[in-house]
Amino acid sequence: MSDPASIRRQLKIKTGVVNRLIKENQLYRKECVAQKLKVDKFVADGAEDWDIKNGRKMLEESEKMITDSSDRLGKAVADLRGLLTGVRQDPQYAADPEFLNAEGALEMASV
């Protein structure tokens, strides 16, 4: 895969995957916090048992999605990092916008 166009394309695709998974993970985390507040409110207000139970089930699902999206993000980051390892050695990519975007995506994922 030494073709520069192919490498740029792979960088763009893998960077897009990492960026999408970062956003997805953040959304699931926000959803989980909101659901936790909702369940706490149900408990504090003395809501029906069904509402509390259903709210807790939804909270568990949100927590599972955080784990799943974190796992997928980790795999995507490892894949992108592997591609970048080979590309960093080639000086023609040092100022390439796709290379810089990929570096930025890795920084965002590490935060």
PDB file of N, CA and C in Angstrom:
ATOM      1  N   MET A   1       0.838  -1.184   0.000  1.00  0.00           N
ATOM      2  CA  MET A   1       0.000   0.000   0.000  1.00  0.00           C
ATOM      3  C   MET A   1       0.876   1.238   0.000  1.00  0.00           C
ATOM      4  N   SER A   2       1.812   1.307  -0.899  1.00  0.00           N
ATOM      5  CA  SER A   2       2.714   2.445  -0.954  1.00  0.00           C
ATOM      6  C   SER A   2       2.190   3.556  -1.859  1.00  0.00           C
ATOM      7  N   ASP A   3       1.055   3.358  -2.457  1.00  0.00           N
ATOM      8  CA  ASP A   3       0.453   4.367  -3.313  1.00  0.00           C
ATOM      9  C   ASP A   3      -0.028   5.540  -2.447  1.00  0.00           C
ATOM     10  N   PRO A   4       0.484   6.751  -2.681  1.00  0.00           N
ATOM     11  CA  PRO A   4       0.104   7.905  -1.844  1.00  0.00           C
ATOM     12  C   PRO A   4      -1.397   8.183  -1.814  1.00  0.00           C
ATOM     13  N   ALA A   5      -2.082   8.022  -2.934  1.00  0.00           N
ATOM     14  CA  ALA A   5      -3.526   8.273  -2.964  1.00  0.00           C
ATOM     15  C   ALA A   5      -4.262   7.265  -2.077  1.00  0.00           C
ATOM     16  N   SER A   6      -3.819   6.028  -2.115  1.00  0.00           N
ATOM     17  CA  SER A   6      -4.433   4.986  -1.299  1.00  0.00           C
ATOM     18  C   SER A   6      -4.187   5.238   0.188  1.00  0.00           C
ATOM     19  N   ILE A   7      -2.997   5.660   0.518  1.00  0.00           N
ATOM     20  CA  ILE A   7      -2.669   5.957   1.917  1.00  0.00           C
ATOM     21  C   ILE A   7      -3.482   7.138   2.414  1.00  0.00           C
ATOM     22  N   ARG A   8      -3.590   8.178   1.607  1.00  0.00           N
ATOM     23  CA  ARG A   8      -4.399   9.343   2.004  1.00  0.00           C
ATOM     24  C   ARG A   8      -5.863   8.950   2.213  1.00  0.00           C
ATOM     25  N   ARG A   9      -6.354   8.101   1.346  1.00  0.00           N
ATOM     26  CA  ARG A   9      -7.741   7.637   1.451  1.00  0.00           C
ATOM     27  C   ARG A   9      -7.938   6.856   2.750  1.00  0.00           C
ATOM     28  N   GLN A  10      -7.009   5.957   3.045  1.00  0.00           N
ATOM     29  CA  GLN A  10      -7.097   5.178   4.285  1.00  0.00           C
ATOM     30  C   GLN A  10      -7.001   6.082   5.513  1.00  0.00           C
ATOM     31  N   LEU A  11      -6.131   7.083   5.452  1.00  0.00           N
ATOM     32  CA  LEU A  11      -6.028   8.041   6.558  1.00  0.00           C
ATOM     33  C   LEU A  11      -7.358   8.767   6.765  1.00  0.00           C
ATOM     34  N   LYS A  12      -7.968   9.187   5.665  1.00  0.00           N
ATOM     35  CA  LYS A  12      -9.234   9.915   5.756  1.00  0.00           C
ATOM     36  C   LYS A  12     -10.334   9.030   6.347  1.00  0.00           C
ATOM     37  N   ILE A  13     -10.421   7.800   5.885  1.00  0.00           N
ATOM     38  CA  ILE A  13     -11.445   6.865   6.366  1.00  0.00           C
ATOM     39  C   ILE A  13     -11.242   6.564   7.845  1.00  0.00           C
ATOM     40  N   LYS A  14     -10.032   6.189   8.212  1.00  0.00           N
ATOM     41  CA  LYS A  14      -9.763   5.804   9.598  1.00  0.00           C
ATOM     42  C   LYS A  14      -9.890   6.995  10.544  1.00  0.00           C
ATOM     43  N   THR A  15      -9.537   8.182  10.080  1.00  0.00           N
ATOM     44  CA  THR A  15      -9.705   9.391  10.890  1.00  0.00           C
ATOM     45  C   THR A  15     -11.189   9.669  11.097  1.00  0.00           C
ATOM     46  N   GLY A  16     -11.978   9.502  10.054  1.00  0.00           N
ATOM     47  CA  GLY A  16     -13.424   9.700  10.164  1.00  0.00           C
ATOM     48  C   GLY A  16     -14.060   8.732  11.151  1.00  0.00           C
ATOM     49  N   VAL A  17     -13.600   7.495  11.137  1.00  0.00           N
ATOM     50  CA  VAL A  17     -14.131   6.489  12.069  1.00  0.00           C
ATOM     51  C   VAL A  17     -13.810   6.896  13.501  1.00  0.00           C
ATOM     52  N   VAL A  18     -12.570   7.300  13.753  1.00  0.00           N
ATOM     53  CA  VAL A  18     -12.176   7.709  15.102  1.00  0.00           C
ATOM     54  C   VAL A  18     -12.981   8.922  15.552  1.00  0.00           C
ATOM     55  N   ASN A  19     -13.117   9.909  14.693  1.00  0.00           N
ATOM     56  CA  ASN A  19     -13.890  11.109  15.058  1.00  0.00           C
ATOM     57  C   ASN A  19     -15.351  10.772  15.357  1.00  0.00           C
ATOM     58  N   ARG A  20     -15.943   9.906  14.555  1.00  0.00           N
ATOM     59  CA  ARG A  20     -17.339   9.514  14.775  1.00  0.00           C
ATOM     60  C   ARG A  20     -17.495   8.774  16.096  1.00  0.00           C
ATOM     61  N   LEU A  21     -16.574   7.873  16.396  1.00  0.00           N
ATOM     62  CA  LEU A  21     -16.662   7.119  17.639  1.00  0.00           C
ATOM     63  C   LEU A  21     -16.405   7.981  18.868  1.00  0.00           C
ATOM     64  N   ILE A  22     -15.582   9.000  18.729  1.00  0.00           N
ATOM     65  CA  ILE A  22     -15.378   9.945  19.833  1.00  0.00           C
ATOM     66  C   ILE A  22     -16.694  10.643  20.144  1.00  0.00           C
ATOM     67  N   LYS A  23     -17.360  11.137  19.110  1.00  0.00           N
ATOM     68  CA  LYS A  23     -18.645  11.820  19.304  1.00  0.00           C
ATOM     69  C   LYS A  23     -19.690  10.871  19.881  1.00  0.00           C
ATOM     70  N   GLU A  24     -19.736   9.654  19.352  1.00  0.00           N
ATOM     71  CA  GLU A  24     -20.706   8.667  19.814  1.00  0.00           C
ATOM     72  C   GLU A  24     -20.495   8.362  21.299  1.00  0.00           C
ATOM     73  N   ASN A  25     -19.241   8.178  21.685  1.00  0.00           N
ATOM     74  CA  ASN A  25     -18.935   7.886  23.080  1.00  0.00           C
ATOM     75  C   ASN A  25     -19.334   9.045  23.986  1.00  0.00           C
ATOM     76  N   GLN A  26     -19.067  10.261  23.555  1.00  0.00           N
ATOM     77  CA  GLN A  26     -19.449  11.432  24.347  1.00  0.00           C
ATOM     78  C   GLN A  26     -20.967  11.522  24.499  1.00  0.00           C
ATOM     79  N   LEU A  27     -21.692  11.238  23.437  1.00  0.00           N
ATOM     80  CA  LEU A  27     -23.156  11.276  23.504  1.00  0.00           C
ATOM     81  C   LEU A  27     -23.704  10.224  24.465  1.00  0.00           C
ATOM     82  N   TYR A  28     -23.145   9.027  24.439  1.00  0.00           N
ATOM     83  CA  TYR A  28     -23.598   7.990  25.361  1.00  0.00           C
ATOM     84  C   TYR A  28     -23.297   8.381  26.806  1.00  0.00           C
ATOM     85  N   ARG A  29     -22.166   9.027  27.038  1.00  0.00           N
ATOM     86  CA  ARG A  29     -21.839   9.466  28.393  1.00  0.00           C
ATOM     87  C   ARG A  29     -22.832  10.523  28.883  1.00  0.00           C
ATOM     88  N   LYS A  30     -23.186  11.462  28.002  1.00  0.00           N
ATOM     89  CA  LYS A  30     -24.174  12.477  28.372  1.00  0.00           C
ATOM     90  C   LYS A  30     -25.529  11.833  28.638  1.00  0.00           C
ATOM     91  N   GLU A  31     -25.906  10.878  27.791  1.00  0.00           N
ATOM     92  CA  GLU A  31     -27.174  10.183  27.959  1.00  0.00           C
ATOM     93  C   GLU A  31     -27.209   9.437  29.293  1.00  0.00           C
ATOM     94  N   CYS A  32     -26.102   8.836  29.655  1.00  0.00           N
ATOM     95  CA  CYS A  32     -26.026   8.083  30.902  1.00  0.00           C
ATOM     96  C   CYS A  32     -26.197   9.015  32.106  1.00  0.00           C
ATOM     97  N   VAL A  33     -25.568  10.165  32.062  1.00  0.00           N
ATOM     98  CA  VAL A  33     -25.704  11.138  33.150  1.00  0.00           C
ATOM     99  C   VAL A  33     -27.152  11.612  33.249  1.00  0.00           C
ATOM    100  N   ALA A  34     -27.766  11.908  32.126  1.00  0.00           N
ATOM    101  CA  ALA A  34     -29.153  12.367  32.118  1.00  0.00           C
ATOM    102  C   ALA A  34     -30.087  11.281  32.654  1.00  0.00           C
ATOM    103  N   GLN A  35     -29.838  10.041  32.263  1.00  0.00           N
ATOM    104  CA  GLN A  35     -30.678   8.940  32.726  1.00  0.00           C
ATOM    105  C   GLN A  35     -30.496   8.717  34.223  1.00  0.00           C
ATOM    106  N   LYS A  36     -29.281   8.865  34.715  1.00  0.00           N
ATOM    107  CA  LYS A  36     -29.024   8.718  36.155  1.00  0.00           C
ATOM    108  C   LYS A  36     -29.788   9.785  36.937  1.00  0.00           C
ATOM    109  N   LEU A  37     -29.767  11.018  36.444  1.00  0.00           N
ATOM    110  CA  LEU A  37     -30.518  12.088  37.099  1.00  0.00           C
ATOM    111  C   LEU A  37     -32.015  11.793  37.093  1.00  0.00           C
ATOM    112  N   LYS A  38     -32.487  11.232  35.983  1.00  0.00           N
ATOM    113  CA  LYS A  38     -33.910  10.906  35.856  1.00  0.00           C
ATOM    114  C   LYS A  38     -34.314   9.824  36.861  1.00  0.00           C
ATOM    115  N   VAL A  39     -33.490   8.797  36.998  1.00  0.00           N
ATOM    116  CA  VAL A  39     -33.776   7.722  37.946  1.00  0.00           C
ATOM    117  C   VAL A  39     -33.736   8.269  39.374  1.00  0.00           C
ATOM    118  N   ASP A  40     -32.740   9.089  39.667  1.00  0.00           N
ATOM    119  CA  ASP A  40     -32.654   9.686  41.002  1.00  0.00           C
ATOM    120  C   ASP A  40     -33.894  10.519  41.315  1.00  0.00           C
ATOM    121  N   LYS A  41     -34.390  11.220  40.318  1.00  0.00           N
ATOM    122  CA  LYS A  41     -35.589  12.042  40.502  1.00  0.00           C
ATOM    123  C   LYS A  41     -36.813  11.150  40.757  1.00  0.00           C
ATOM    124  N   PHE A  42     -36.897  10.031  40.012  1.00  0.00           N
ATOM    125  CA  PHE A  42     -37.995   9.095  40.239  1.00  0.00           C
ATOM    126  C   PHE A  42     -37.981   8.582  41.683  1.00  0.00           C
ATOM    127  N   VAL A  43     -36.802   8.212  42.155  1.00  0.00           N
ATOM    128  CA  VAL A  43     -36.671   7.685  43.511  1.00  0.00           C
ATOM    129  C   VAL A  43     -37.023   8.755  44.537  1.00  0.00           C
ATOM    130  N   ALA A  44     -36.513   9.970  44.325  1.00  0.00           N
ATOM    131  CA  ALA A  44     -36.772  11.055  45.265  1.00  0.00           C
ATOM    132  C   ALA A  44     -38.245  11.440  45.306  1.00  0.00           C
ATOM    133  N   ASP A  45     -38.908  11.374  44.163  1.00  0.00           N
ATOM    134  CA  ASP A  45     -40.323  11.754  44.091  1.00  0.00           C
ATOM    135  C   ASP A  45     -41.257  10.615  44.489  1.00  0.00           C
ATOM    136  N   GLY A  46     -40.699   9.442  44.736  1.00  0.00           N
ATOM    137  CA  GLY A  46     -41.541   8.305  45.107  1.00  0.00           C
ATOM    138  C   GLY A  46     -42.387   7.801  43.957  1.00  0.00           C
ATOM    139  N   ALA A  47     -41.806   7.748  42.770  1.00  0.00           N
ATOM    140  CA  ALA A  47     -42.538   7.293  41.581  1.00  0.00           C
ATOM    141  C   ALA A  47     -42.867   5.807  41.713  1.00  0.00           C
ATOM    142  N   GLU A  48     -43.687   5.334  40.812  1.00  0.00           N
ATOM    143  CA  GLU A  48     -44.084   3.926  40.815  1.00  0.00           C
ATOM    144  C   GLU A  48     -42.865   3.037  40.591  1.00  0.00           C
ATOM    145  N   ASP A  49     -42.955   1.830  41.133  1.00  0.00           N
ATOM    146  CA  ASP A  49     -41.849   0.883  41.010  1.00  0.00           C
ATOM    147  C   ASP A  49     -41.501   0.595  39.549  1.00  0.00           C
ATOM    148  N   TRP A  50     -42.524   0.509  38.705  1.00  0.00           N
ATOM    149  CA  TRP A  50     -42.284   0.217  37.283  1.00  0.00           C
ATOM    150  C   TRP A  50     -41.428   1.306  36.653  1.00  0.00           C
ATOM    151  N   ASP A  51     -41.727   2.575  36.957  1.00  0.00           N
ATOM    152  CA  ASP A  51     -40.955   3.687  36.396  1.00  0.00           C
ATOM    153  C   ASP A  51     -39.505   3.616  36.839  1.00  0.00           C
ATOM    154  N   ILE A  52     -39.293   3.340  38.116  1.00  0.00           N
ATOM    155  CA  ILE A  52     -37.929   3.251  38.649  1.00  0.00           C
ATOM    156  C   ILE A  52     -37.190   2.073  38.020  1.00  0.00           C
ATOM    157  N   LYS A  53     -37.847   0.934  37.957  1.00  0.00           N
ATOM    158  CA  LYS A  53     -37.228  -0.263  37.377  1.00  0.00           C
ATOM    159  C   LYS A  53     -36.888  -0.046  35.906  1.00  0.00           C
ATOM    160  N   ASN A  54     -37.813   0.526  35.167  1.00  0.00           N
ATOM    161  CA  ASN A  54     -37.582   0.793  33.748  1.00  0.00           C
ATOM    162  C   ASN A  54     -36.456   1.815  33.557  1.00  0.00           C
ATOM    163  N   GLY A  55     -36.422   2.823  34.400  1.00  0.00           N
ATOM    164  CA  GLY A  55     -35.356   3.816  34.325  1.00  0.00           C
ATOM    165  C   GLY A  55     -33.996   3.206  34.586  1.00  0.00           C
ATOM    166  N   ARG A  56     -33.941   2.288  35.544  1.00  0.00           N
ATOM    167  CA  ARG A  56     -32.666   1.615  35.845  1.00  0.00           C
ATOM    168  C   ARG A  56     -32.236   0.707  34.694  1.00  0.00           C
ATOM    169  N   LYS A  57     -33.199   0.051  34.044  1.00  0.00           N
ATOM    170  CA  LYS A  57     -32.862  -0.778  32.886  1.00  0.00           C
ATOM    171  C   LYS A  57     -32.294   0.080  31.761  1.00  0.00           C
ATOM    172  N   MET A  58     -32.895   1.233  31.558  1.00  0.00           N
ATOM    173  CA  MET A  58     -32.394   2.134  30.507  1.00  0.00           C
ATOM    174  C   MET A  58     -31.003   2.653  30.868  1.00  0.00           C
ATOM    175  N   LEU A  59     -30.754   2.907  32.147  1.00  0.00           N
ATOM    176  CA  LEU A  59     -29.439   3.339  32.601  1.00  0.00           C
ATOM    177  C   LEU A  59     -28.396   2.242  32.359  1.00  0.00           C
ATOM    178  N   GLU A  60     -28.753   1.008  32.640  1.00  0.00           N
ATOM    179  CA  GLU A  60     -27.843  -0.112  32.388  1.00  0.00           C
ATOM    180  C   GLU A  60     -27.516  -0.232  30.904  1.00  0.00           C
ATOM    181  N   GLU A  61     -28.512  -0.041  30.053  1.00  0.00           N
ATOM    182  CA  GLU A  61     -28.282  -0.100  28.606  1.00  0.00           C
ATOM    183  C   GLU A  61     -27.328   1.016  28.168  1.00  0.00           C
ATOM    184  N   SER A  62     -27.506   2.194  28.734  1.00  0.00           N
ATOM    185  CA  SER A  62     -26.614   3.307  28.396  1.00  0.00           C
ATOM    186  C   SER A  62     -25.185   3.001  28.830  1.00  0.00           C
ATOM    187  N   GLU A  63     -25.036   2.405  29.988  1.00  0.00           N
ATOM    188  CA  GLU A  63     -23.699   2.045  30.471  1.00  0.00           C
ATOM    189  C   GLU A  63     -23.062   0.979  29.587  1.00  0.00           C
ATOM    190  N   LYS A  64     -23.862   0.033  29.106  1.00  0.00           N
ATOM    191  CA  LYS A  64     -23.349  -0.986  28.195  1.00  0.00           C
ATOM    192  C   LYS A  64     -22.888  -0.353  26.876  1.00  0.00           C
ATOM    193  N   MET A  65     -23.631   0.639  26.411  1.00  0.00           N
ATOM    194  CA  MET A  65     -23.257   1.298  25.158  1.00  0.00           C
ATOM    195  C   MET A  65     -21.968   2.097  25.319  1.00  0.00           C
ATOM    196  N   ILE A  66     -21.745   2.653  26.500  1.00  0.00           N
ATOM    197  CA  ILE A  66     -20.485   3.360  26.752  1.00  0.00           C
ATOM    198  C   ILE A  66     -19.326   2.374  26.643  1.00  0.00           C
ATOM    199  N   THR A  67     -19.484   1.217  27.257  1.00  0.00           N
ATOM    200  CA  THR A  67     -18.437   0.189  27.199  1.00  0.00           C
ATOM    201  C   THR A  67     -18.193  -0.253  25.761  1.00  0.00           C
ATOM    202  N   ASP A  68     -19.276  -0.499  25.042  1.00  0.00           N
ATOM    203  CA  ASP A  68     -19.153  -0.950  23.653  1.00  0.00           C
ATOM    204  C   ASP A  68     -18.480   0.104  22.775  1.00  0.00           C
ATOM    205  N   SER A  69     -18.921   1.337  22.896  1.00  0.00           N
ATOM    206  CA  SER A  69     -18.331   2.382  22.053  1.00  0.00           C
ATOM    207  C   SER A  69     -16.882   2.657  22.447  1.00  0.00           C
ATOM    208  N   SER A  70     -16.551   2.506  23.722  1.00  0.00           N
ATOM    209  CA  SER A  70     -15.158   2.672  24.158  1.00  0.00           C
ATOM    210  C   SER A  70     -14.273   1.580  23.568  1.00  0.00           C
ATOM    211  N   ASP A  71     -14.780   0.361  23.544  1.00  0.00           N
ATOM    212  CA  ASP A  71     -14.024  -0.743  22.949  1.00  0.00           C
ATOM    213  C   ASP A  71     -13.790  -0.509  21.460  1.00  0.00           C
ATOM    214  N   ARG A  72     -14.853  -0.116  20.766  1.00  0.00           N
ATOM    215  CA  ARG A  72     -14.725   0.141  19.325  1.00  0.00           C
ATOM    216  C   ARG A  72     -13.789   1.313  19.061  1.00  0.00           C
ATOM    217  N   LEU A  73     -13.839   2.337  19.908  1.00  0.00           N
ATOM    218  CA  LEU A  73     -12.943   3.480  19.763  1.00  0.00           C
ATOM    219  C   LEU A  73     -11.501   3.046  19.969  1.00  0.00           C
ATOM    220  N   GLY A  74     -11.259   2.217  20.952  1.00  0.00           N
ATOM    221  CA  GLY A  74      -9.901   1.727  21.200  1.00  0.00           C
ATOM    222  C   GLY A  74      -9.336   0.972  20.005  1.00  0.00           C
ATOM    223  N   LYS A  75     -10.167   0.135  19.392  1.00  0.00           N
ATOM    224  CA  LYS A  75      -9.728  -0.616  18.215  1.00  0.00           C
ATOM    225  C   LYS A  75      -9.454   0.318  17.030  1.00  0.00           C
ATOM    226  N   ALA A  76     -10.324   1.313  16.851  1.00  0.00           N
ATOM    227  CA  ALA A  76     -10.147   2.256  15.738  1.00  0.00           C
ATOM    228  C   ALA A  76      -8.886   3.099  15.941  1.00  0.00           C
ATOM    229  N   VAL A  77      -8.632   3.496  17.176  1.00  0.00           N
ATOM    230  CA  VAL A  77      -7.432   4.282  17.471  1.00  0.00           C
ATOM    231  C   VAL A  77      -6.187   3.444  17.210  1.00  0.00           C
ATOM    232  N   ALA A  78      -6.202   2.187  17.627  1.00  0.00           N
ATOM    233  CA  ALA A  78      -5.058   1.305  17.385  1.00  0.00           C
ATOM    234  C   ALA A  78      -4.829   1.117  15.893  1.00  0.00           C
ATOM    235  N   ASP A  79      -5.902   0.987  15.135  1.00  0.00           N
ATOM    236  CA  ASP A  79      -5.799   0.825  13.686  1.00  0.00           C
ATOM    237  C   ASP A  79      -5.193   2.076  13.039  1.00  0.00           C
ATOM    238  N   LEU A  80      -5.688   3.243  13.441  1.00  0.00           N
ATOM    239  CA  LEU A  80      -5.167   4.500  12.901  1.00  0.00           C
ATOM    240  C   LEU A  80      -3.718   4.708  13.316  1.00  0.00           C
ATOM    241  N   ARG A  81      -3.417   4.407  14.561  1.00  0.00           N
ATOM    242  CA  ARG A  81      -2.048   4.569  15.053  1.00  0.00           C
ATOM    243  C   ARG A  81      -1.085   3.668  14.277  1.00  0.00           C
ATOM    244  N   GLY A  82      -1.525   2.454  13.964  1.00  0.00           N
ATOM    245  CA  GLY A  82      -0.701   1.539  13.178  1.00  0.00           C
ATOM    246  C   GLY A  82      -0.418   2.081  11.788  1.00  0.00           C
ATOM    247  N   LEU A  83      -1.431   2.667  11.162  1.00  0.00           N
ATOM    248  CA  LEU A  83      -1.240   3.261   9.841  1.00  0.00           C
ATOM    249  C   LEU A  83      -0.298   4.460   9.924  1.00  0.00           C
ATOM    250  N   LEU A  84      -0.478   5.274  10.947  1.00  0.00           N
ATOM    251  CA  LEU A  84       0.358   6.465  11.088  1.00  0.00           C
ATOM    252  C   LEU A  84       1.816   6.124  11.373  1.00  0.00           C
ATOM    253  N   THR A  85       2.052   5.020  12.025  1.00  0.00           N
ATOM    254  CA  THR A  85       3.426   4.613  12.321  1.00  0.00           C
ATOM    255  C   THR A  85       4.230   4.459  11.033  1.00  0.00           C
ATOM    256  N   GLY A  86       3.629   3.831  10.052  1.00  0.00           N
ATOM    257  CA  GLY A  86       4.310   3.667   8.768  1.00  0.00           C
ATOM    258  C   GLY A  86       4.398   4.959   7.978  1.00  0.00           C
ATOM    259  N   VAL A  87       3.387   5.795   8.093  1.00  0.00           N
ATOM    260  CA  VAL A  87       3.338   7.040   7.321  1.00  0.00           C
ATOM    261  C   VAL A  87       4.317   8.074   7.883  1.00  0.00           C
ATOM    262  N   ARG A  88       4.527   8.088   9.178  1.00  0.00           N
ATOM    263  CA  ARG A  88       5.427   9.070   9.803  1.00  0.00           C
ATOM    264  C   ARG A  88       6.847   8.976   9.260  1.00  0.00           C
ATOM    265  N   GLN A  89       7.235   7.800   8.831  1.00  0.00           N
ATOM    266  CA  GLN A  89       8.591   7.597   8.334  1.00  0.00           C
ATOM    267  C   GLN A  89       8.798   8.182   6.944  1.00  0.00           C
ATOM    268  N   ASP A  90       7.728   8.496   6.249  1.00  0.00           N
ATOM    269  CA  ASP A  90       7.812   9.048   4.899  1.00  0.00           C
ATOM    270  C   ASP A  90       7.653  10.566   4.970  1.00  0.00           C
ATOM    271  N   PRO A  91       8.683  11.320   4.624  1.00  0.00           N
ATOM    272  CA  PRO A  91       8.626  12.786   4.769  1.00  0.00           C
ATOM    273  C   PRO A  91       7.608  13.474   3.860  1.00  0.00           C
ATOM    274  N   GLN A  92       7.127  12.815   2.821  1.00  0.00           N
ATOM    275  CA  GLN A  92       6.165  13.465   1.918  1.00  0.00           C
ATOM    276  C   GLN A  92       4.821  13.707   2.590  1.00  0.00           C
ATOM    277  N   TYR A  93       4.548  13.027   3.705  1.00  0.00           N
ATOM    278  CA  TYR A  93       3.272  13.180   4.394  1.00  0.00           C
ATOM    279  C   TYR A  93       3.331  14.167   5.562  1.00  0.00           C
ATOM    280  N   ALA A  94       4.488  14.734   5.843  1.00  0.00           N
ATOM    281  CA  ALA A  94       4.665  15.594   7.021  1.00  0.00           C
ATOM    282  C   ALA A  94       3.679  16.764   7.040  1.00  0.00           C
ATOM    283  N   ALA A  95       3.392  17.357   5.896  1.00  0.00           N
ATOM    284  CA  ALA A  95       2.490  18.508   5.837  1.00  0.00           C
ATOM    285  C   ALA A  95       1.157  18.164   5.172  1.00  0.00           C
ATOM    286  N   ASP A  96       0.919  16.891   4.932  1.00  0.00           N
ATOM    287  CA  ASP A  96      -0.317  16.464   4.278  1.00  0.00           C
ATOM    288  C   ASP A  96      -1.507  16.707   5.206  1.00  0.00           C
ATOM    289  N   PRO A  97      -2.583  17.330   4.699  1.00  0.00           N
ATOM    290  CA  PRO A  97      -3.733  17.626   5.558  1.00  0.00           C
ATOM    291  C   PRO A  97      -4.382  16.378   6.176  1.00  0.00           C
ATOM    292  N   GLU A  98      -4.427  15.281   5.437  1.00  0.00           N
ATOM    293  CA  GLU A  98      -5.017  14.051   5.978  1.00  0.00           C
ATOM    294  C   GLU A  98      -4.163  13.511   7.131  1.00  0.00           C
ATOM    295  N   PHE A  99      -2.860  13.621   6.991  1.00  0.00           N
ATOM    296  CA  PHE A  99      -1.953  13.189   8.058  1.00  0.00           C
ATOM    297  C   PHE A  99      -2.150  14.054   9.299  1.00  0.00           C
ATOM    298  N   LEU A 100      -2.255  15.354   9.110  1.00  0.00           N
ATOM    299  CA  LEU A 100      -2.450  16.272  10.239  1.00  0.00           C
ATOM    300  C   LEU A 100      -3.807  16.046  10.908  1.00  0.00           C
ATOM    301  N   ASN A 101      -4.843  15.789  10.106  1.00  0.00           N
ATOM    302  CA  ASN A 101      -6.165  15.483  10.666  1.00  0.00           C
ATOM    303  C   ASN A 101      -6.120  14.191  11.490  1.00  0.00           C
ATOM    304  N   ALA A 102      -5.389  13.208  10.982  1.00  0.00           N
ATOM    305  CA  ALA A 102      -5.274  11.939  11.696  1.00  0.00           C
ATOM    306  C   ALA A 102      -4.543  12.135  13.033  1.00  0.00           C
ATOM    307  N   GLU A 103      -3.503  12.935  13.025  1.00  0.00           N
ATOM    308  CA  GLU A 103      -2.781  13.248  14.268  1.00  0.00           C
ATOM    309  C   GLU A 103      -3.710  13.940  15.265  1.00  0.00           C
ATOM    310  N   GLY A 104      -4.515  14.862  14.761  1.00  0.00           N
ATOM    311  CA  GLY A 104      -5.468  15.576  15.614  1.00  0.00           C
ATOM    312  C   GLY A 104      -6.519  14.649  16.201  1.00  0.00           C
ATOM    313  N   ALA A 105      -6.977  13.699  15.402  1.00  0.00           N
ATOM    314  CA  ALA A 105      -7.970  12.731  15.884  1.00  0.00           C
ATOM    315  C   ALA A 105      -7.391  11.862  16.994  1.00  0.00           C
ATOM    316  N   LEU A 106      -6.121  11.478  16.841  1.00  0.00           N
ATOM    317  CA  LEU A 106      -5.492  10.687  17.898  1.00  0.00           C
ATOM    318  C   LEU A 106      -5.349  11.490  19.183  1.00  0.00           C
ATOM    319  N   GLU A 107      -5.057  12.779  19.057  1.00  0.00           N
ATOM    320  CA  GLU A 107      -4.969  13.636  20.241  1.00  0.00           C
ATOM    321  C   GLU A 107      -6.328  13.744  20.925  1.00  0.00           C
ATOM    322  N   MET A 108      -7.386  13.919  20.146  1.00  0.00           N
ATOM    323  CA  MET A 108      -8.735  14.023  20.702  1.00  0.00           C
ATOM    324  C   MET A 108      -9.144  12.728  21.403  1.00  0.00           C
ATOM    325  N   ALA A 109      -8.745  11.611  20.839  1.00  0.00           N
ATOM    326  CA  ALA A 109      -9.113  10.324  21.418  1.00  0.00           C
ATOM    327  C   ALA A 109      -8.362  10.061  22.718  1.00  0.00           C
ATOM    328  N   SER A 110      -7.194  10.633  22.859  1.00  0.00           N
ATOM    329  CA  SER A 110      -6.404  10.395  24.069  1.00  0.00           C
ATOM    330  C   SER A 110      -6.833  11.280  25.232  1.00  0.00           C
ATOM    331  N   VAL A 111      -7.682  12.272  24.972  1.00  0.00           N
ATOM    332  CA  VAL A 111      -8.131  13.181  26.037  1.00  0.00           C
ATOM    333  C   VAL A 111      -9.200  12.577  26.877  1.00  0.00           C
TER     334      VAL A 111
END
